[in-house]
Amino acid sequence: MFSYQQIRSLNQLEMTVYKFIISHPNDVERLTIRQMAEKSHVSATTILRFLKKVGYSGFSEFKFALKQQRQQEAVQPKLQDLALIKQFFDQLSDHHFNDQIAHAASMVAAAKTTIFFGLGTSGSLAQYGGRLFANYGIYTLMISDPFRTPPVVEHDFYDSLLILLSVSGETEEVLRQARFYKENGANILAITADAYSTLAQLADFNIAYNIPQTQDVQGHLSTQLPVVFLLEQIAQHAYQEVAEHLVL
């Protein structure tokens, strides 16, 4: 329903509208624009500006299109999940997306040590990333204890890169690691679902895959396929960059 180019053009408030629609499609069908503005904590003007950016002339036209999509999803229940994943992979033809991967890979190639950290599912993916990068000959470490007290003595991590994985970009333990390593000279690369999260703002560079967050009482249920793909792409590009320098 929304293309990558359209999503990339959104500002922070418009991104809030996008995430509300994707997360609450059934509610949106029943709401007036004023009710939706109240529930999503933005103005009606912001919603209209968002709709114009994604190709709709007004709220009624958008609700009709949304209803049609929902009817199609009722016949094919997995269509929405597949659409979100397809939306992510559509980025492969976009120069901006590939430039982001190339920049992240250059950060890895320039670092003497790459450190991974995440919590929960992101922690498991951080372990996967560490093993993957090591398989490419990149020296990596893994922070396994999120509650470990930072060293009292200052350290110089100027030649280190901390890669932080977080769906929300708001987990306090992750932010604590980001602040500590940044204050001690490390570069920070974040991979999050939210380009406007606190972690994204703290990081030297952030790649946001912009898939709405889904969670229950036990934690996040958002698909992590984009994270696996990004880690593999960054590792491959970093390896190629290092290999080219060795040849030279």
C-alpha atoms as a PDB file:
ATOM      1  CA  MET A   1       0.000   0.000   0.000  1.00  0.00           C
ATOM      2  CA  PHE A   2       2.968   2.270   0.640  1.00  0.00           C
ATOM      3  CA  SER A   3       6.224   2.228  -1.303  1.00  0.00           C
ATOM      4  CA  TYR A   4       9.694   2.546   0.186  1.00  0.00           C
ATOM      5  CA  GLN A   5      10.203   5.868  -1.594  1.00  0.00           C
ATOM      6  CA  GLN A   6       7.021   7.218  -0.012  1.00  0.00           C
ATOM      7  CA  ILE A   7       8.008   6.052   3.470  1.00  0.00           C
ATOM      8  CA  ARG A   8      11.501   7.510   3.150  1.00  0.00           C
ATOM      9  CA  SER A   9       9.994  10.922   2.372  1.00  0.00           C
ATOM     10  CA  LEU A  10       8.040  11.068   5.651  1.00  0.00           C
ATOM     11  CA  ASN A  11       9.015  13.305   8.524  1.00  0.00           C
ATOM     12  CA  GLN A  12       8.748  12.189  12.152  1.00  0.00           C
ATOM     13  CA  LEU A  13       5.072  13.117  12.624  1.00  0.00           C
ATOM     14  CA  GLU A  14       4.070  11.592   9.296  1.00  0.00           C
ATOM     15  CA  MET A  15       5.933   8.420  10.247  1.00  0.00           C
ATOM     16  CA  THR A  16       3.770   8.301  13.375  1.00  0.00           C
ATOM     17  CA  VAL A  17       0.676   8.327  11.146  1.00  0.00           C
ATOM     18  CA  TYR A  18       2.105   5.560   8.967  1.00  0.00           C
ATOM     19  CA  LYS A  19       2.875   3.332  11.949  1.00  0.00           C
ATOM     20  CA  PHE A  20      -0.571   3.905  13.452  1.00  0.00           C
ATOM     21  CA  ILE A  21      -2.278   2.911  10.194  1.00  0.00           C
ATOM     22  CA  ILE A  22      -0.182  -0.220   9.744  1.00  0.00           C
ATOM     23  CA  SER A  23      -0.638  -1.246  13.374  1.00  0.00           C
ATOM     24  CA  HIS A  24      -4.391  -0.456  13.616  1.00  0.00           C
ATOM     25  CA  PRO A  25      -5.930  -0.939  10.142  1.00  0.00           C
ATOM     26  CA  ASN A  26      -9.271  -2.158  11.527  1.00  0.00           C
ATOM     27  CA  ASP A  27      -9.598   0.890  13.770  1.00  0.00           C
ATOM     28  CA  VAL A  28      -8.725   3.325  10.980  1.00  0.00           C
ATOM     29  CA  GLU A  29     -11.631   2.072   8.864  1.00  0.00           C
ATOM     30  CA  ARG A  30     -14.096   3.084  11.599  1.00  0.00           C
ATOM     31  CA  LEU A  31     -12.521   6.365  12.705  1.00  0.00           C
ATOM     32  CA  THR A  32     -13.118   9.893  11.530  1.00  0.00           C
ATOM     33  CA  ILE A  33     -10.026  11.906  10.739  1.00  0.00           C
ATOM     34  CA  ARG A  34     -10.411  13.831  14.007  1.00  0.00           C
ATOM     35  CA  GLN A  35     -10.686  10.600  16.007  1.00  0.00           C
ATOM     36  CA  MET A  36      -7.628   9.173  14.292  1.00  0.00           C
ATOM     37  CA  ALA A  37      -5.711  12.382  14.959  1.00  0.00           C
ATOM     38  CA  GLU A  38      -6.561  12.120  18.644  1.00  0.00           C
ATOM     39  CA  LYS A  39      -5.608   8.442  18.914  1.00  0.00           C
ATOM     40  CA  SER A  40      -2.338   8.818  16.997  1.00  0.00           C
ATOM     41  CA  HIS A  41      -1.431  12.066  18.828  1.00  0.00           C
ATOM     42  CA  VAL A  42      -1.003  14.154  15.689  1.00  0.00           C
ATOM     43  CA  SER A  43      -3.106  16.831  14.015  1.00  0.00           C
ATOM     44  CA  ALA A  44      -5.661  16.248  11.260  1.00  0.00           C
ATOM     45  CA  THR A  45      -3.467  18.444   9.059  1.00  0.00           C
ATOM     46  CA  THR A  46      -0.552  16.038   9.560  1.00  0.00           C
ATOM     47  CA  ILE A  47      -2.757  13.112   8.507  1.00  0.00           C
ATOM     48  CA  LEU A  48      -3.858  14.936   5.357  1.00  0.00           C
ATOM     49  CA  ARG A  49      -0.257  15.862   4.564  1.00  0.00           C
ATOM     50  CA  PHE A  50       0.727  12.210   5.013  1.00  0.00           C
ATOM     51  CA  LEU A  51      -2.086  11.049   2.713  1.00  0.00           C
ATOM     52  CA  LYS A  52      -1.041  13.510   0.028  1.00  0.00           C
ATOM     53  CA  LYS A  53       2.538  12.223   0.182  1.00  0.00           C
ATOM     54  CA  VAL A  54       1.400   8.614  -0.296  1.00  0.00           C
ATOM     55  CA  GLY A  55      -0.904   9.431  -3.197  1.00  0.00           C
ATOM     56  CA  TYR A  56      -4.387   9.999  -1.758  1.00  0.00           C
ATOM     57  CA  SER A  57      -6.461  13.140  -2.227  1.00  0.00           C
ATOM     58  CA  GLY A  58      -8.310  12.784   1.063  1.00  0.00           C
ATOM     59  CA  PHE A  59      -9.251  10.654   4.046  1.00  0.00           C
ATOM     60  CA  SER A  60     -12.375   9.138   2.445  1.00  0.00           C
ATOM     61  CA  GLU A  61     -10.447   7.938  -0.601  1.00  0.00           C
ATOM     62  CA  PHE A  62      -7.796   6.410   1.634  1.00  0.00           C
ATOM     63  CA  LYS A  63     -10.331   4.607   3.847  1.00  0.00           C
ATOM     64  CA  PHE A  64     -11.969   3.118   0.745  1.00  0.00           C
ATOM     65  CA  ALA A  65      -8.589   1.848  -0.507  1.00  0.00           C
ATOM     66  CA  LEU A  66      -7.799   0.482   2.955  1.00  0.00           C
ATOM     67  CA  LYS A  67     -11.147  -1.329   3.083  1.00  0.00           C
ATOM     68  CA  GLN A  68     -10.460  -2.950  -0.284  1.00  0.00           C
ATOM     69  CA  GLN A  69      -7.061  -4.110   0.903  1.00  0.00           C
ATOM     70  CA  ARG A  70      -8.526  -5.511   4.116  1.00  0.00           C
ATOM     71  CA  GLN A  71     -11.107  -7.474   2.120  1.00  0.00           C
ATOM     72  CA  GLN A  72      -8.323  -8.941   0.019  1.00  0.00           C
ATOM     73  CA  GLU A  73      -6.370  -9.845   3.149  1.00  0.00           C
ATOM     74  CA  ALA A  74      -9.436 -11.651   4.520  1.00  0.00           C
ATOM     75  CA  VAL A  75      -9.143 -14.030   1.565  1.00  0.00           C
ATOM     76  CA  GLN A  76      -5.344 -14.232   1.931  1.00  0.00           C
ATOM     77  CA  PRO A  77      -4.640 -13.710   5.676  1.00  0.00           C
ATOM     78  CA  LYS A  78      -0.847 -13.626   5.330  1.00  0.00           C
ATOM     79  CA  LEU A  79      -0.910 -10.959   2.646  1.00  0.00           C
ATOM     80  CA  GLN A  80      -0.229  -8.059   5.026  1.00  0.00           C
ATOM     81  CA  ASP A  81       2.845  -9.720   6.555  1.00  0.00           C
ATOM     82  CA  LEU A  82       4.181 -10.541   3.105  1.00  0.00           C
ATOM     83  CA  ALA A  83       3.458  -7.011   1.907  1.00  0.00           C
ATOM     84  CA  LEU A  84       5.567  -5.543   4.717  1.00  0.00           C
ATOM     85  CA  ILE A  85       8.467  -7.847   3.903  1.00  0.00           C
ATOM     86  CA  LYS A  86       8.115  -7.123   0.177  1.00  0.00           C
ATOM     87  CA  GLN A  87       8.076  -3.420   0.980  1.00  0.00           C
ATOM     88  CA  PHE A  88      11.423  -3.813   2.727  1.00  0.00           C
ATOM     89  CA  PHE A  89      13.025  -5.779  -0.111  1.00  0.00           C
ATOM     90  CA  ASP A  90      11.744  -3.294  -2.681  1.00  0.00           C
ATOM     91  CA  GLN A  91      14.449  -1.017  -1.287  1.00  0.00           C
ATOM     92  CA  LEU A  92      17.107  -3.063  -3.068  1.00  0.00           C
ATOM     93  CA  SER A  93      16.547  -1.036  -6.227  1.00  0.00           C
ATOM     94  CA  ASP A  94      16.934   2.246  -4.345  1.00  0.00           C
ATOM     95  CA  HIS A  95      20.348   3.937  -4.405  1.00  0.00           C
ATOM     96  CA  HIS A  96      19.830   5.495  -0.973  1.00  0.00           C
ATOM     97  CA  PHE A  97      19.294   2.096   0.640  1.00  0.00           C
ATOM     98  CA  ASN A  98      22.376   0.591  -0.987  1.00  0.00           C
ATOM     99  CA  ASP A  99      24.407   3.642   0.017  1.00  0.00           C
ATOM    100  CA  GLN A 100      23.367   3.029   3.633  1.00  0.00           C
ATOM    101  CA  ILE A 101      24.623  -0.556   3.485  1.00  0.00           C
ATOM    102  CA  ALA A 102      27.872   0.581   1.863  1.00  0.00           C
ATOM    103  CA  HIS A 103      28.418   3.246   4.535  1.00  0.00           C
ATOM    104  CA  ALA A 104      27.767   0.772   7.360  1.00  0.00           C
ATOM    105  CA  ALA A 105      30.191  -1.678   5.739  1.00  0.00           C
ATOM    106  CA  SER A 106      32.860   1.031   5.549  1.00  0.00           C
ATOM    107  CA  MET A 107      32.434   1.653   9.278  1.00  0.00           C
ATOM    108  CA  VAL A 108      33.028  -2.055   9.918  1.00  0.00           C
ATOM    109  CA  ALA A 109      36.029  -2.185   7.579  1.00  0.00           C
ATOM    110  CA  ALA A 110      37.624   0.840   9.275  1.00  0.00           C
ATOM    111  CA  ALA A 111      37.235  -0.524  12.816  1.00  0.00           C
ATOM    112  CA  LYS A 112      39.874  -2.673  14.477  1.00  0.00           C
ATOM    113  CA  THR A 113      37.225  -4.217  16.727  1.00  0.00           C
ATOM    114  CA  THR A 114      33.505  -4.638  16.098  1.00  0.00           C
ATOM    115  CA  ILE A 115      31.310  -5.163  19.170  1.00  0.00           C
ATOM    116  CA  PHE A 116      27.732  -6.474  19.023  1.00  0.00           C
ATOM    117  CA  PHE A 117      24.944  -5.935  21.529  1.00  0.00           C
ATOM    118  CA  GLY A 118      21.204  -6.489  21.739  1.00  0.00           C
ATOM    119  CA  LEU A 119      18.556  -7.813  24.117  1.00  0.00           C
ATOM    120  CA  GLY A 120      16.017 -10.609  23.716  1.00  0.00           C
ATOM    121  CA  THR A 121      15.562 -11.582  20.082  1.00  0.00           C
ATOM    122  CA  SER A 122      17.888  -8.740  19.135  1.00  0.00           C
ATOM    123  CA  GLY A 123      20.461 -10.311  21.462  1.00  0.00           C
ATOM    124  CA  SER A 124      20.203 -13.604  19.578  1.00  0.00           C
ATOM    125  CA  LEU A 125      20.634 -11.723  16.316  1.00  0.00           C
ATOM    126  CA  ALA A 126      23.635  -9.890  17.777  1.00  0.00           C
ATOM    127  CA  GLN A 127      25.207 -13.284  18.509  1.00  0.00           C
ATOM    128  CA  TYR A 128      24.438 -14.358  14.957  1.00  0.00           C
ATOM    129  CA  GLY A 129      25.958 -11.138  13.630  1.00  0.00           C
ATOM    130  CA  GLY A 130      29.112 -11.637  15.679  1.00  0.00           C
ATOM    131  CA  ARG A 131      29.559 -15.181  14.401  1.00  0.00           C
ATOM    132  CA  LEU A 132      28.776 -14.121  10.825  1.00  0.00           C
ATOM    133  CA  PHE A 133      31.285 -11.265  10.850  1.00  0.00           C
ATOM    134  CA  ALA A 134      33.916 -13.537  12.416  1.00  0.00           C
ATOM    135  CA  ASN A 135      33.371 -16.010   9.571  1.00  0.00           C
ATOM    136  CA  TYR A 136      34.341 -13.200   7.206  1.00  0.00           C
ATOM    137  CA  GLY A 137      37.559 -12.631   9.142  1.00  0.00           C
ATOM    138  CA  ILE A 138      36.327  -9.520  10.965  1.00  0.00           C
ATOM    139  CA  TYR A 139      37.422  -9.322  14.603  1.00  0.00           C
ATOM    140  CA  THR A 140      34.262  -9.205  16.702  1.00  0.00           C
ATOM    141  CA  LEU A 141      33.254  -9.252  20.354  1.00  0.00           C
ATOM    142  CA  MET A 142      29.866  -9.751  21.974  1.00  0.00           C
ATOM    143  CA  ILE A 143      28.496  -8.034  25.088  1.00  0.00           C
ATOM    144  CA  SER A 144      26.601 -10.862  26.760  1.00  0.00           C
ATOM    145  CA  ASP A 145      25.715  -9.225  30.092  1.00  0.00           C
ATOM    146  CA  PRO A 146      23.527  -6.127  29.636  1.00  0.00           C
ATOM    147  CA  PHE A 147      23.620  -5.321  33.348  1.00  0.00           C
ATOM    148  CA  ARG A 148      27.392  -5.323  33.739  1.00  0.00           C
ATOM    149  CA  THR A 149      28.586  -2.125  35.426  1.00  0.00           C
ATOM    150  CA  PRO A 150      30.655   0.048  33.055  1.00  0.00           C
ATOM    151  CA  PRO A 151      34.361   0.352  33.992  1.00  0.00           C
ATOM    152  CA  VAL A 152      35.243   3.175  36.377  1.00  0.00           C
ATOM    153  CA  VAL A 153      38.446   3.986  34.487  1.00  0.00           C
ATOM    154  CA  GLU A 154      37.966   5.680  31.127  1.00  0.00           C
ATOM    155  CA  HIS A 155      38.787   3.650  28.023  1.00  0.00           C
ATOM    156  CA  ASP A 156      39.696   4.769  24.521  1.00  0.00           C
ATOM    157  CA  PHE A 157      37.548   2.940  21.971  1.00  0.00           C
ATOM    158  CA  TYR A 158      38.384   5.294  19.091  1.00  0.00           C
ATOM    159  CA  ASP A 159      39.173   2.364  16.763  1.00  0.00           C
ATOM    160  CA  SER A 160      36.120   0.295  17.807  1.00  0.00           C
ATOM    161  CA  LEU A 161      32.627   0.041  16.343  1.00  0.00           C
ATOM    162  CA  LEU A 162      29.620  -0.846  18.491  1.00  0.00           C
ATOM    163  CA  ILE A 163      26.735  -2.364  16.514  1.00  0.00           C
ATOM    164  CA  LEU A 164      23.475  -2.128  18.446  1.00  0.00           C
ATOM    165  CA  LEU A 165      20.359  -4.045  17.434  1.00  0.00           C
ATOM    166  CA  SER A 166      17.030  -2.867  18.830  1.00  0.00           C
ATOM    167  CA  VAL A 167      13.500  -3.007  17.444  1.00  0.00           C
ATOM    168  CA  SER A 168      12.186   0.003  19.356  1.00  0.00           C
ATOM    169  CA  GLY A 169      15.461   1.861  19.810  1.00  0.00           C
ATOM    170  CA  GLU A 170      14.253   2.822  23.285  1.00  0.00           C
ATOM    171  CA  THR A 171      15.494  -0.028  25.520  1.00  0.00           C
ATOM    172  CA  GLU A 172      17.363   1.532  28.439  1.00  0.00           C
ATOM    173  CA  GLU A 173      20.095  -1.133  28.632  1.00  0.00           C
ATOM    174  CA  VAL A 174      20.852  -0.627  24.935  1.00  0.00           C
ATOM    175  CA  LEU A 175      20.898   3.153  25.315  1.00  0.00           C
ATOM    176  CA  ARG A 176      23.240   2.818  28.310  1.00  0.00           C
ATOM    177  CA  GLN A 177      25.746   0.872  26.212  1.00  0.00           C
ATOM    178  CA  ALA A 178      25.436   3.418  23.404  1.00  0.00           C
ATOM    179  CA  ARG A 179      26.162   6.329  25.731  1.00  0.00           C
ATOM    180  CA  PHE A 180      29.115   4.628  27.445  1.00  0.00           C
ATOM    181  CA  TYR A 181      30.892   3.601  24.250  1.00  0.00           C
ATOM    182  CA  LYS A 182      30.156   6.890  22.507  1.00  0.00           C
ATOM    183  CA  GLU A 183      31.545   8.867  25.462  1.00  0.00           C
ATOM    184  CA  ASN A 184      34.700   6.746  25.228  1.00  0.00           C
ATOM    185  CA  GLY A 185      35.336   7.317  21.536  1.00  0.00           C
ATOM    186  CA  ALA A 186      33.646   4.378  19.783  1.00  0.00           C
ATOM    187  CA  ASN A 187      31.582   4.771  16.644  1.00  0.00           C
ATOM    188  CA  ILE A 188      27.991   3.589  16.984  1.00  0.00           C
ATOM    189  CA  LEU A 189      26.044   1.787  14.263  1.00  0.00           C
ATOM    190  CA  ALA A 190      22.385   1.113  15.080  1.00  0.00           C
ATOM    191  CA  ILE A 191      19.904  -1.119  13.266  1.00  0.00           C
ATOM    192  CA  THR A 192      16.365  -0.311  14.387  1.00  0.00           C
ATOM    193  CA  ALA A 193      12.756  -0.343  13.235  1.00  0.00           C
ATOM    194  CA  ASP A 194      12.360   3.360  14.026  1.00  0.00           C
ATOM    195  CA  ALA A 195      14.408   6.060  12.313  1.00  0.00           C
ATOM    196  CA  TYR A 196      13.316   8.599  14.940  1.00  0.00           C
ATOM    197  CA  SER A 197      14.054   6.546  18.067  1.00  0.00           C
ATOM    198  CA  THR A 198      16.423   7.704  20.805  1.00  0.00           C
ATOM    199  CA  LEU A 199      18.998   5.119  19.729  1.00  0.00           C
ATOM    200  CA  ALA A 200      18.844   6.324  16.134  1.00  0.00           C
ATOM    201  CA  GLN A 201      19.602   9.854  17.339  1.00  0.00           C
ATOM    202  CA  LEU A 202      22.471   8.691  19.580  1.00  0.00           C
ATOM    203  CA  ALA A 203      24.135   6.583  16.906  1.00  0.00           C
ATOM    204  CA  ASP A 204      26.721   7.896  14.476  1.00  0.00           C
ATOM    205  CA  PHE A 205      24.807   6.044  11.785  1.00  0.00           C
ATOM    206  CA  ASN A 206      21.439   4.310  11.829  1.00  0.00           C
ATOM    207  CA  ILE A 207      19.732   1.969   9.386  1.00  0.00           C
ATOM    208  CA  ALA A 208      15.984   1.829   9.966  1.00  0.00           C
ATOM    209  CA  TYR A 209      13.979  -0.928   8.323  1.00  0.00           C
ATOM    210  CA  ASN A 210      10.679   0.831   9.167  1.00  0.00           C
ATOM    211  CA  ILE A 211       8.507  -2.211   9.789  1.00  0.00           C
ATOM    212  CA  PRO A 212       5.803  -1.560  12.422  1.00  0.00           C
ATOM    213  CA  GLN A 213       6.492  -3.011  15.841  1.00  0.00           C
ATOM    214  CA  THR A 214       4.260  -5.877  16.948  1.00  0.00           C
ATOM    215  CA  GLN A 215       4.391  -7.154  20.497  1.00  0.00           C
ATOM    216  CA  ASP A 216       2.491  -8.966  23.225  1.00  0.00           C
ATOM    217  CA  VAL A 217       3.060  -9.180  26.975  1.00  0.00           C
ATOM    218  CA  GLN A 218       6.115 -11.378  26.429  1.00  0.00           C
ATOM    219  CA  GLY A 219       7.940  -9.105  24.012  1.00  0.00           C
ATOM    220  CA  HIS A 220       8.338  -8.012  20.399  1.00  0.00           C
ATOM    221  CA  LEU A 221       6.866 -10.207  17.665  1.00  0.00           C
ATOM    222  CA  SER A 222       8.005  -8.053  14.741  1.00  0.00           C
ATOM    223  CA  THR A 223       9.647  -9.909  11.878  1.00  0.00           C
ATOM    224  CA  GLN A 224      13.440  -9.842  12.115  1.00  0.00           C
ATOM    225  CA  LEU A 225      14.076 -10.938   8.545  1.00  0.00           C
ATOM    226  CA  PRO A 226      15.249  -7.421   7.563  1.00  0.00           C
ATOM    227  CA  VAL A 227      17.856  -7.482  10.360  1.00  0.00           C
ATOM    228  CA  VAL A 228      19.298 -10.804   9.186  1.00  0.00           C
ATOM    229  CA  PHE A 229      19.444  -9.503   5.627  1.00  0.00           C
ATOM    230  CA  LEU A 230      21.125  -6.247   6.667  1.00  0.00           C
ATOM    231  CA  LEU A 231      23.737  -8.047   8.766  1.00  0.00           C
ATOM    232  CA  GLU A 232      24.600 -10.365   5.899  1.00  0.00           C
ATOM    233  CA  GLN A 233      24.819  -7.521   3.391  1.00  0.00           C
ATOM    234  CA  ILE A 234      26.994  -5.392   5.674  1.00  0.00           C
ATOM    235  CA  ALA A 235      29.311  -8.331   6.408  1.00  0.00           C
ATOM    236  CA  GLN A 236      29.725  -9.171   2.720  1.00  0.00           C
ATOM    237  CA  HIS A 237      30.388  -5.562   1.717  1.00  0.00           C
ATOM    238  CA  ALA A 238      32.841  -5.045   4.589  1.00  0.00           C
ATOM    239  CA  TYR A 239      34.739  -8.200   3.636  1.00  0.00           C
ATOM    240  CA  GLN A 240      34.970  -7.049   0.017  1.00  0.00           C
ATOM    241  CA  GLU A 241      36.216  -3.617   1.087  1.00  0.00           C
ATOM    242  CA  VAL A 242      38.879  -5.089   3.376  1.00  0.00           C
ATOM    243  CA  ALA A 243      39.957  -7.566   0.684  1.00  0.00           C
ATOM    244  CA  GLU A 244      40.325  -4.771  -1.881  1.00  0.00           C
ATOM    245  CA  HIS A 245      42.578  -2.803   0.484  1.00  0.00           C
ATOM    246  CA  LEU A 246      44.735  -5.877   1.083  1.00  0.00           C
ATOM    247  CA  VAL A 247      45.198  -6.355  -2.664  1.00  0.00           C
ATOM    248  CA  LEU A 248      46.221  -2.716  -3.054  1.00  0.00           C
END
